[in-house]
Amino acid sequence: MKFKNFLLSLAQTSKHHRYRHAALIAKGNQIFSVAVNTDGHHAEANALVRAGNRAKGATLYTLMVRSDDSVGNGAPCPRCMEAISYTKIRRVVVYV
């Protein structure tokens, strides 16, 4: 629950018409990157690019807000999970 409220606010800023995702990469309380989904780019991928090498060993937190403003299961897609694995993210937390 560490970053849930922050991600909820961040997801609200996404301009995606249906699902608004937010992702954050951190180690402890040190935040390396935050991102939302944009047309054609997933929040997790955007956050990974911004974090660069600092992502190794970090935790990726993610949250999805539906068009009716309810929070849904915003688990990373298979392609994002592959990128997460490749960058050596230690743990993924999906807020629902």
Protein backbone atom coordinates (compact mmCIF):
# COMPACT_ATOMS: atom_id res chain seq x y z
CA MET A 1 0.00 0.00 0.00
CA LYS A 2 3.11 2.12 0.07
CA PHE A 3 2.56 3.96 -3.22
CA LYS A 4 -1.08 3.15 -3.98
CA ASN A 5 -2.53 6.65 -3.43
CA PHE A 6 0.27 8.25 -5.42
CA LEU A 7 -0.25 5.81 -8.33
CA LEU A 8 -4.00 6.37 -8.18
CA SER A 9 -3.49 10.12 -8.63
CA LEU A 10 -0.88 9.55 -11.33
CA ALA A 11 -3.10 7.15 -13.30
CA GLN A 12 -5.81 9.81 -13.38
CA THR A 13 -3.47 11.96 -15.51
CA SER A 14 -3.25 9.37 -18.30
CA LYS A 15 -5.00 10.48 -21.48
CA HIS A 16 -5.84 6.93 -22.54
CA HIS A 17 -9.54 6.69 -23.36
CA ARG A 18 -10.33 3.43 -21.59
CA TYR A 19 -7.70 2.18 -19.16
CA ARG A 20 -5.35 4.50 -17.33
CA HIS A 21 -2.24 2.78 -16.01
CA ALA A 22 0.50 4.19 -13.81
CA ALA A 23 3.81 2.57 -12.91
CA LEU A 24 6.54 3.46 -10.47
CA ILE A 25 9.99 1.93 -9.97
CA ALA A 26 11.64 2.26 -6.58
CA LYS A 27 14.11 0.75 -4.14
CA GLY A 28 12.92 1.34 -0.61
CA ASN A 29 11.67 4.92 -0.55
CA GLN A 30 13.91 6.06 -3.41
CA ILE A 31 11.79 6.52 -6.54
CA PHE A 32 13.68 6.11 -9.82
CA SER A 33 10.87 6.68 -12.29
CA VAL A 34 7.14 7.16 -12.70
CA ALA A 35 5.09 6.87 -15.87
CA VAL A 36 1.58 6.53 -17.27
CA ASN A 37 0.40 4.75 -20.38
CA THR A 38 0.15 6.72 -23.58
CA ASP A 39 -1.26 5.66 -26.91
CA GLY A 40 0.93 2.79 -27.98
CA HIS A 41 3.21 2.76 -24.91
CA HIS A 42 2.52 0.94 -21.66
CA ALA A 43 3.20 2.60 -18.30
CA GLU A 44 5.57 -0.20 -17.25
CA ALA A 45 7.66 0.12 -20.42
CA ASN A 46 7.78 3.91 -20.06
CA ALA A 47 8.92 3.58 -16.43
CA LEU A 48 11.60 1.02 -17.34
CA VAL A 49 13.05 3.29 -20.00
CA ARG A 50 13.17 6.22 -17.59
CA ALA A 51 14.76 4.16 -14.78
CA GLY A 52 17.49 2.74 -17.00
CA ASN A 53 20.14 0.73 -15.12
CA ARG A 54 18.71 1.81 -11.76
CA ALA A 55 15.81 -0.63 -12.32
CA LYS A 56 18.01 -3.63 -11.50
CA GLY A 57 16.99 -5.02 -8.12
CA ALA A 58 14.15 -2.51 -7.71
CA THR A 59 10.42 -3.02 -7.30
CA LEU A 60 7.89 -2.03 -9.95
CA TYR A 61 4.51 -0.89 -8.61
CA THR A 62 1.56 -0.62 -10.97
CA LEU A 63 -2.10 0.36 -10.84
CA MET A 64 -4.91 0.63 -13.40
CA VAL A 65 -7.99 2.85 -13.28
CA ARG A 66 -10.97 1.99 -15.49
CA SER A 67 -13.03 4.57 -17.38
CA ASP A 68 -15.63 4.47 -14.55
CA ASP A 69 -12.83 5.47 -12.09
CA SER A 70 -12.76 2.08 -10.35
CA VAL A 71 -9.43 0.37 -9.75
CA GLY A 72 -8.92 -2.82 -11.72
CA ASN A 73 -6.30 -5.51 -12.09
CA GLY A 74 -3.59 -3.74 -14.02
CA ALA A 75 -1.11 -6.58 -14.14
CA PRO A 76 1.62 -6.07 -16.75
CA CYS A 77 1.03 -7.67 -20.13
CA PRO A 78 3.30 -10.53 -21.26
CA ARG A 79 5.51 -8.19 -23.32
CA CYS A 80 5.99 -5.84 -20.37
CA MET A 81 6.69 -8.82 -18.08
CA GLU A 82 9.42 -9.91 -20.48
CA ALA A 83 10.98 -6.43 -20.33
CA ILE A 84 10.64 -6.40 -16.54
CA SER A 85 12.44 -9.74 -16.33
CA TYR A 86 15.15 -8.61 -18.74
CA THR A 87 15.90 -5.50 -16.66
CA LYS A 88 16.20 -7.60 -13.48
CA ILE A 89 13.35 -5.97 -11.56
CA ARG A 90 13.28 -7.85 -8.24
CA ARG A 91 9.55 -7.68 -7.55
CA VAL A 92 6.29 -6.51 -9.15
CA VAL A 93 3.43 -5.17 -7.01
CA VAL A 94 0.01 -4.82 -8.67
CA TYR A 95 -2.50 -2.76 -6.73
CA VAL A 96 -6.15 -3.75 -7.14
